[in-house]
Structures are given as structure tokens and as C-alpha cells.
Amino acid sequence: MRDINKTFTVWWKTDDTLNFKAFPIVKGEPDHSAFNDAIGFADVIRKTTVLDVRIECRKRNDRDGWDIEQVWPN
């Protein structure tokens, strides 16, 4: 079953500003599509701006709120 409550978030820091861009899983698309988009975006940021880039997976958990796990780089 698809998990539409999952989001991949790319985080990077420029100067003193923490930036992020979210790639949610979209209903009707393959689950790995959002992850591939996040990796592609992170690679561009890494090549052009900063080396310290990470991707987190955030999954909605009704009991505790959000489960957060760093998935790239690992």
C-alpha cells in the first residue's frame, strides 16, 4: 500500500540561513519518484553551493506525530 503521508526533505545551509525543499509522495506516482527527485535536487545544490546537504524522510505517525530519519547521505 502506498504511503502518502511520507515526505522527503532536502536541507542545506547557506551563510546563517537553513534552507529546505520538500518532495512529498504524490498519489498516483511511484513511491521512489519523490526520493529520486530529492536526490537530483540535492546533487545540484551540492555541486553549485554547499557540500553539507542532507535528505530526511518524514512520515506521519498518528501516535507520536512525525518519524524523522536521515536517508541521504548515509
PDB file of N, CA and C in Angstrom:
ATOM      1  N   MET A   1       0.832  -1.192   0.000  1.00  0.00           N
ATOM      2  CA  MET A   1       0.000   0.000   0.000  1.00  0.00           C
ATOM      3  C   MET A   1       0.872   1.249   0.000  1.00  0.00           C
ATOM      4  N   ARG A   2       0.476   2.225  -0.729  1.00  0.00           N
ATOM      5  CA  ARG A   2       1.213   3.477  -0.811  1.00  0.00           C
ATOM      6  C   ARG A   2       1.133   4.236   0.492  1.00  0.00           C
ATOM      7  N   ASP A   3       2.217   4.948   0.780  1.00  0.00           N
ATOM      8  CA  ASP A   3       2.247   5.764   1.989  1.00  0.00           C
ATOM      9  C   ASP A   3       2.275   7.225   1.561  1.00  0.00           C
ATOM     10  N   ILE A   4       1.098   7.846   1.483  1.00  0.00           N
ATOM     11  CA  ILE A   4       1.036   9.230   1.011  1.00  0.00           C
ATOM     12  C   ILE A   4       1.300  10.225   2.126  1.00  0.00           C
ATOM     13  N   ASN A   5       1.594   9.737   3.327  1.00  0.00           N
ATOM     14  CA  ASN A   5       1.939  10.624   4.435  1.00  0.00           C
ATOM     15  C   ASN A   5       3.445  10.723   4.615  1.00  0.00           C
ATOM     16  N   LYS A   6       4.198  10.429   3.569  1.00  0.00           N
ATOM     17  CA  LYS A   6       5.653  10.457   3.651  1.00  0.00           C
ATOM     18  C   LYS A   6       6.187  11.586   2.776  1.00  0.00           C
ATOM     19  N   THR A   7       7.204  12.283   3.275  1.00  0.00           N
ATOM     20  CA  THR A   7       7.828  13.381   2.542  1.00  0.00           C
ATOM     21  C   THR A   7       9.336  13.257   2.649  1.00  0.00           C
ATOM     22  N   PHE A   8      10.034  13.508   1.553  1.00  0.00           N
ATOM     23  CA  PHE A   8      11.488  13.595   1.567  1.00  0.00           C
ATOM     24  C   PHE A   8      11.850  15.074   1.543  1.00  0.00           C
ATOM     25  N   THR A   9      12.663  15.509   2.504  1.00  0.00           N
ATOM     26  CA  THR A   9      13.019  16.919   2.631  1.00  0.00           C
ATOM     27  C   THR A   9      14.522  17.083   2.477  1.00  0.00           C
ATOM     28  N   VAL A  10      14.932  17.977   1.572  1.00  0.00           N
ATOM     29  CA  VAL A  10      16.346  18.300   1.369  1.00  0.00           C
ATOM     30  C   VAL A  10      16.675  19.516   2.224  1.00  0.00           C
ATOM     31  N   TRP A  11      17.725  19.416   3.043  1.00  0.00           N
ATOM     32  CA  TRP A  11      18.172  20.509   3.915  1.00  0.00           C
ATOM     33  C   TRP A  11      19.576  20.923   3.519  1.00  0.00           C
ATOM     34  N   TRP A  12      19.828  22.246   3.472  1.00  0.00           N
ATOM     35  CA  TRP A  12      21.171  22.760   3.257  1.00  0.00           C
ATOM     36  C   TRP A  12      21.276  24.124   3.911  1.00  0.00           C
ATOM     37  N   LYS A  13      22.505  24.527   4.196  1.00  0.00           N
ATOM     38  CA  LYS A  13      22.725  25.790   4.894  1.00  0.00           C
ATOM     39  C   LYS A  13      23.616  26.691   4.047  1.00  0.00           C
ATOM     40  N   THR A  14      23.182  27.938   3.868  1.00  0.00           N
ATOM     41  CA  THR A  14      23.997  28.949   3.206  1.00  0.00           C
ATOM     42  C   THR A  14      24.153  30.116   4.165  1.00  0.00           C
ATOM     43  N   ASP A  15      25.390  30.512   4.407  1.00  0.00           N
ATOM     44  CA  ASP A  15      25.699  31.547   5.393  1.00  0.00           C
ATOM     45  C   ASP A  15      25.063  31.162   6.733  1.00  0.00           C
ATOM     46  N   ASP A  16      24.145  31.950   7.237  1.00  0.00           N
ATOM     47  CA  ASP A  16      23.486  31.633   8.506  1.00  0.00           C
ATOM     48  C   ASP A  16      22.030  31.221   8.311  1.00  0.00           C
ATOM     49  N   THR A  17      21.681  30.838   7.095  1.00  0.00           N
ATOM     50  CA  THR A  17      20.293  30.509   6.789  1.00  0.00           C
ATOM     51  C   THR A  17      20.154  29.017   6.504  1.00  0.00           C
ATOM     52  N   LEU A  18      19.216  28.372   7.180  1.00  0.00           N
ATOM     53  CA  LEU A  18      18.907  26.968   6.931  1.00  0.00           C
ATOM     54  C   LEU A  18      17.782  26.917   5.902  1.00  0.00           C
ATOM     55  N   ASN A  19      18.013  26.226   4.803  1.00  0.00           N
ATOM     56  CA  ASN A  19      17.046  26.141   3.708  1.00  0.00           C
ATOM     57  C   ASN A  19      16.529  24.715   3.574  1.00  0.00           C
ATOM     58  N   PHE A  20      15.342  24.576   3.030  1.00  0.00           N
ATOM     59  CA  PHE A  20      14.815  23.240   2.772  1.00  0.00           C
ATOM     60  C   PHE A  20      13.854  23.267   1.593  1.00  0.00           C
ATOM     61  N   LYS A  21      13.707  22.107   0.980  1.00  0.00           N
ATOM     62  CA  LYS A  21      12.717  21.907  -0.084  1.00  0.00           C
ATOM     63  C   LYS A  21      12.134  20.515   0.128  1.00  0.00           C
ATOM     64  N   ALA A  22      10.817  20.434   0.137  1.00  0.00           N
ATOM     65  CA  ALA A  22      10.134  19.169   0.395  1.00  0.00           C
ATOM     66  C   ALA A  22       9.678  18.517  -0.906  1.00  0.00           C
ATOM     67  N   PHE A  23       9.760  17.196  -0.939  1.00  0.00           N
ATOM     68  CA  PHE A  23       9.308  16.393  -2.068  1.00  0.00           C
ATOM     69  C   PHE A  23       8.329  15.343  -1.540  1.00  0.00           C
ATOM     70  N   PRO A  24       7.037  15.663  -1.476  1.00  0.00           N
ATOM     71  CA  PRO A  24       6.061  14.699  -0.946  1.00  0.00           C
ATOM     72  C   PRO A  24       5.761  13.595  -1.954  1.00  0.00           C
ATOM     73  N   ILE A  25       5.365  12.454  -1.435  1.00  0.00           N
ATOM     74  CA  ILE A  25       4.908  11.375  -2.303  1.00  0.00           C
ATOM     75  C   ILE A  25       3.525  11.770  -2.817  1.00  0.00           C
ATOM     76  N   VAL A  26       3.367  11.743  -4.131  1.00  0.00           N
ATOM     77  CA  VAL A  26       2.118  12.170  -4.767  1.00  0.00           C
ATOM     78  C   VAL A  26       1.302  10.938  -5.144  1.00  0.00           C
ATOM     79  N   LYS A  27       0.033  10.982  -4.827  1.00  0.00           N
ATOM     80  CA  LYS A  27      -0.847   9.861  -5.149  1.00  0.00           C
ATOM     81  C   LYS A  27      -0.856   9.633  -6.658  1.00  0.00           C
ATOM     82  N   GLY A  28      -0.671   8.387  -7.063  1.00  0.00           N
ATOM     83  CA  GLY A  28      -0.673   8.044  -8.477  1.00  0.00           C
ATOM     84  C   GLY A  28       0.713   7.933  -9.081  1.00  0.00           C
ATOM     85  N   GLU A  29       1.746   8.395  -8.385  1.00  0.00           N
ATOM     86  CA  GLU A  29       3.122   8.274  -8.864  1.00  0.00           C
ATOM     87  C   GLU A  29       3.830   7.181  -8.071  1.00  0.00           C
ATOM     88  N   PRO A  30       4.886   6.586  -8.638  1.00  0.00           N
ATOM     89  CA  PRO A  30       5.641   5.584  -7.878  1.00  0.00           C
ATOM     90  C   PRO A  30       6.259   6.212  -6.623  1.00  0.00           C
ATOM     91  N   ASP A  31       6.368   5.418  -5.556  1.00  0.00           N
ATOM     92  CA  ASP A  31       6.917   5.925  -4.297  1.00  0.00           C
ATOM     93  C   ASP A  31       8.340   6.452  -4.456  1.00  0.00           C
ATOM     94  N   HIS A  32       9.129   5.784  -5.296  1.00  0.00           N
ATOM     95  CA  HIS A  32      10.528   6.180  -5.437  1.00  0.00           C
ATOM     96  C   HIS A  32      10.702   7.472  -6.241  1.00  0.00           C
ATOM     97  N   SER A  33       9.671   7.941  -6.903  1.00  0.00           N
ATOM     98  CA  SER A  33       9.766   9.159  -7.713  1.00  0.00           C
ATOM     99  C   SER A  33      10.142  10.375  -6.866  1.00  0.00           C
ATOM    100  N   ALA A  34       9.510  10.533  -5.708  1.00  0.00           N
ATOM    101  CA  ALA A  34       9.822  11.669  -4.829  1.00  0.00           C
ATOM    102  C   ALA A  34      11.249  11.572  -4.306  1.00  0.00           C
ATOM    103  N   PHE A  35      11.699  10.367  -3.979  1.00  0.00           N
ATOM    104  CA  PHE A  35      13.063  10.179  -3.480  1.00  0.00           C
ATOM    105  C   PHE A  35      14.081  10.495  -4.576  1.00  0.00           C
ATOM    106  N   ASN A  36      13.832  10.040  -5.793  1.00  0.00           N
ATOM    107  CA  ASN A  36      14.732  10.338  -6.912  1.00  0.00           C
ATOM    108  C   ASN A  36      14.792  11.836  -7.193  1.00  0.00           C
ATOM    109  N   ASP A  37      13.650  12.518  -7.119  1.00  0.00           N
ATOM    110  CA  ASP A  37      13.627  13.970  -7.309  1.00  0.00           C
ATOM    111  C   ASP A  37      14.435  14.672  -6.223  1.00  0.00           C
ATOM    112  N   ALA A  38      14.310  14.207  -4.985  1.00  0.00           N
ATOM    113  CA  ALA A  38      15.053  14.806  -3.872  1.00  0.00           C
ATOM    114  C   ALA A  38      16.555  14.608  -4.045  1.00  0.00           C
ATOM    115  N   ILE A  39      16.977  13.425  -4.471  1.00  0.00           N
ATOM    116  CA  ILE A  39      18.404  13.166  -4.693  1.00  0.00           C
ATOM    117  C   ILE A  39      18.929  14.035  -5.829  1.00  0.00           C
ATOM    118  N   GLY A  40      18.176  14.156  -6.904  1.00  0.00           N
ATOM    119  CA  GLY A  40      18.593  15.008  -8.018  1.00  0.00           C
ATOM    120  C   GLY A  40      18.754  16.453  -7.597  1.00  0.00           C
ATOM    121  N   PHE A  41      17.817  16.962  -6.820  1.00  0.00           N
ATOM    122  CA  PHE A  41      17.896  18.335  -6.327  1.00  0.00           C
ATOM    123  C   PHE A  41      19.092  18.507  -5.395  1.00  0.00           C
ATOM    124  N   ALA A  42      19.306  17.541  -4.503  1.00  0.00           N
ATOM    125  CA  ALA A  42      20.432  17.608  -3.562  1.00  0.00           C
ATOM    126  C   ALA A  42      21.765  17.601  -4.301  1.00  0.00           C
ATOM    127  N   ASP A  43      21.869  16.821  -5.370  1.00  0.00           N
ATOM    128  CA  ASP A  43      23.101  16.796  -6.164  1.00  0.00           C
ATOM    129  C   ASP A  43      23.391  18.155  -6.787  1.00  0.00           C
ATOM    130  N   VAL A  44      22.360  18.820  -7.290  1.00  0.00           N
ATOM    131  CA  VAL A  44      22.542  20.150  -7.881  1.00  0.00           C
ATOM    132  C   VAL A  44      23.010  21.143  -6.822  1.00  0.00           C
ATOM    133  N   ILE A  45      22.373  21.142  -5.649  1.00  0.00           N
ATOM    134  CA  ILE A  45      22.774  22.041  -4.562  1.00  0.00           C
ATOM    135  C   ILE A  45      24.216  21.765  -4.163  1.00  0.00           C
ATOM    136  N   ARG A  46      24.561  20.496  -4.070  1.00  0.00           N
ATOM    137  CA  ARG A  46      25.910  20.104  -3.648  1.00  0.00           C
ATOM    138  C   ARG A  46      26.973  20.554  -4.647  1.00  0.00           C
ATOM    139  N   LYS A  47      26.654  20.491  -5.917  1.00  0.00           N
ATOM    140  CA  LYS A  47      27.623  20.864  -6.951  1.00  0.00           C
ATOM    141  C   LYS A  47      27.759  22.372  -7.096  1.00  0.00           C
ATOM    142  N   THR A  48      26.705  23.131  -6.790  1.00  0.00           N
ATOM    143  CA  THR A  48      26.736  24.568  -7.052  1.00  0.00           C
ATOM    144  C   THR A  48      26.955  25.431  -5.821  1.00  0.00           C
ATOM    145  N   THR A  49      26.506  24.998  -4.659  1.00  0.00           N
ATOM    146  CA  THR A  49      26.531  25.884  -3.497  1.00  0.00           C
ATOM    147  C   THR A  49      27.282  25.327  -2.315  1.00  0.00           C
ATOM    148  N   VAL A  50      26.771  24.295  -1.729  1.00  0.00           N
ATOM    149  CA  VAL A  50      27.261  23.812  -0.449  1.00  0.00           C
ATOM    150  C   VAL A  50      27.530  22.316  -0.503  1.00  0.00           C
ATOM    151  N   LEU A  51      28.470  21.872   0.313  1.00  0.00           N
ATOM    152  CA  LEU A  51      28.732  20.444   0.387  1.00  0.00           C
ATOM    153  C   LEU A  51      27.893  19.768   1.465  1.00  0.00           C
ATOM    154  N   ASP A  52      27.437  20.531   2.446  1.00  0.00           N
ATOM    155  CA  ASP A  52      26.674  19.964   3.553  1.00  0.00           C
ATOM    156  C   ASP A  52      25.184  19.953   3.213  1.00  0.00           C
ATOM    157  N   VAL A  53      24.758  18.876   2.573  1.00  0.00           N
ATOM    158  CA  VAL A  53      23.362  18.709   2.171  1.00  0.00           C
ATOM    159  C   VAL A  53      22.894  17.361   2.707  1.00  0.00           C
ATOM    160  N   ARG A  54      21.660  17.298   3.201  1.00  0.00           N
ATOM    161  CA  ARG A  54      21.133  16.014   3.668  1.00  0.00           C
ATOM    162  C   ARG A  54      19.664  15.886   3.285  1.00  0.00           C
ATOM    163  N   ILE A  55      19.216  14.649   3.213  1.00  0.00           N
ATOM    164  CA  ILE A  55      17.815  14.364   2.925  1.00  0.00           C
ATOM    165  C   ILE A  55      17.246  13.592   4.108  1.00  0.00           C
ATOM    166  N   GLU A  56      16.103  14.071   4.586  1.00  0.00           N
ATOM    167  CA  GLU A  56      15.393  13.390   5.662  1.00  0.00           C
ATOM    168  C   GLU A  56      14.080  12.839   5.128  1.00  0.00           C
ATOM    169  N   CYS A  57      13.681  11.720   5.671  1.00  0.00           N
ATOM    170  CA  CYS A  57      12.378  11.146   5.370  1.00  0.00           C
ATOM    171  C   CYS A  57      11.479  11.421   6.565  1.00  0.00           C
ATOM    172  N   ARG A  58      10.372  12.077   6.317  1.00  0.00           N
ATOM    173  CA  ARG A  58       9.400  12.365   7.380  1.00  0.00           C
ATOM    174  C   ARG A  58       8.122  11.608   7.068  1.00  0.00           C
ATOM    175  N   LYS A  59       7.705  10.815   8.045  1.00  0.00           N
ATOM    176  CA  LYS A  59       6.497  10.012   7.873  1.00  0.00           C
ATOM    177  C   LYS A  59       5.532  10.328   9.003  1.00  0.00           C
ATOM    178  N   ARG A  60       4.300  10.616   8.655  1.00  0.00           N
ATOM    179  CA  ARG A  60       3.280  10.956   9.650  1.00  0.00           C
ATOM    180  C   ARG A  60       2.936   9.715  10.473  1.00  0.00           C
ATOM    181  N   ASN A  61       2.992   9.890  11.789  1.00  0.00           N
ATOM    182  CA  ASN A  61       2.683   8.817  12.719  1.00  0.00           C
ATOM    183  C   ASN A  61       1.574   9.331  13.627  1.00  0.00           C
ATOM    184  N   ASP A  62       0.399   8.755  13.560  1.00  0.00           N
ATOM    185  CA  ASP A  62      -0.747   9.246  14.334  1.00  0.00           C
ATOM    186  C   ASP A  62      -0.516   9.198  15.838  1.00  0.00           C
ATOM    187  N   ARG A  63       0.315   8.289  16.275  1.00  0.00           N
ATOM    188  CA  ARG A  63       0.548   8.137  17.707  1.00  0.00           C
ATOM    189  C   ARG A  63       1.506   9.191  18.248  1.00  0.00           C
ATOM    190  N   ASP A  64       2.626   9.417  17.562  1.00  0.00           N
ATOM    191  CA  ASP A  64       3.678  10.294  18.086  1.00  0.00           C
ATOM    192  C   ASP A  64       3.917  11.558  17.273  1.00  0.00           C
ATOM    193  N   GLY A  65       3.195  11.775  16.203  1.00  0.00           N
ATOM    194  CA  GLY A  65       3.452  12.949  15.366  1.00  0.00           C
ATOM    195  C   GLY A  65       4.207  12.556  14.114  1.00  0.00           C
ATOM    196  N   TRP A  66       5.526  12.813  14.078  1.00  0.00           N
ATOM    197  CA  TRP A  66       6.341  12.540  12.892  1.00  0.00           C
ATOM    198  C   TRP A  66       7.507  11.628  13.239  1.00  0.00           C
ATOM    199  N   ASP A  67       7.786  10.663  12.361  1.00  0.00           N
ATOM    200  CA  ASP A  67       9.007   9.861  12.432  1.00  0.00           C
ATOM    201  C   ASP A  67       9.975  10.477  11.438  1.00  0.00           C
ATOM    202  N   ILE A  68      11.165  10.861  11.903  1.00  0.00           N
ATOM    203  CA  ILE A  68      12.148  11.519  11.043  1.00  0.00           C
ATOM    204  C   ILE A  68      13.407  10.667  10.990  1.00  0.00           C
ATOM    205  N   GLU A  69      13.897  10.435   9.779  1.00  0.00           N
ATOM    206  CA  GLU A  69      15.086   9.615   9.593  1.00  0.00           C
ATOM    207  C   GLU A  69      15.931  10.220   8.477  1.00  0.00           C
ATOM    208  N   GLN A  70      17.245  10.346   8.709  1.00  0.00           N
ATOM    209  CA  GLN A  70      18.132  10.822   7.649  1.00  0.00           C
ATOM    210  C   GLN A  70      18.383   9.659   6.697  1.00  0.00           C
ATOM    211  N   VAL A  71      18.126   9.870   5.401  1.00  0.00           N
ATOM    212  CA  VAL A  71      18.252   8.791   4.427  1.00  0.00           C
ATOM    213  C   VAL A  71      19.347   9.033   3.389  1.00  0.00           C
ATOM    214  N   TRP A  72      19.876  10.259   3.318  1.00  0.00           N
ATOM    215  CA  TRP A  72      20.947  10.541   2.354  1.00  0.00           C
ATOM    216  C   TRP A  72      21.755  11.722   2.830  1.00  0.00           C
ATOM    217  N   PRO A  73      23.047  11.780   2.782  1.00  0.00           N
ATOM    218  CA  PRO A  73      23.910  10.621   2.529  1.00  0.00           C
ATOM    219  C   PRO A  73      23.913   9.701   3.740  1.00  0.00           C
ATOM    220  N   ASN A  74      24.129   8.444   3.511  1.00  0.00           N
ATOM    221  CA  ASN A  74      24.143   7.502   4.628  1.00  0.00           C
ATOM    222  C   ASN A  74      25.422   6.723   4.692  1.00  0.00           C
TER     223      ASN A  74
END
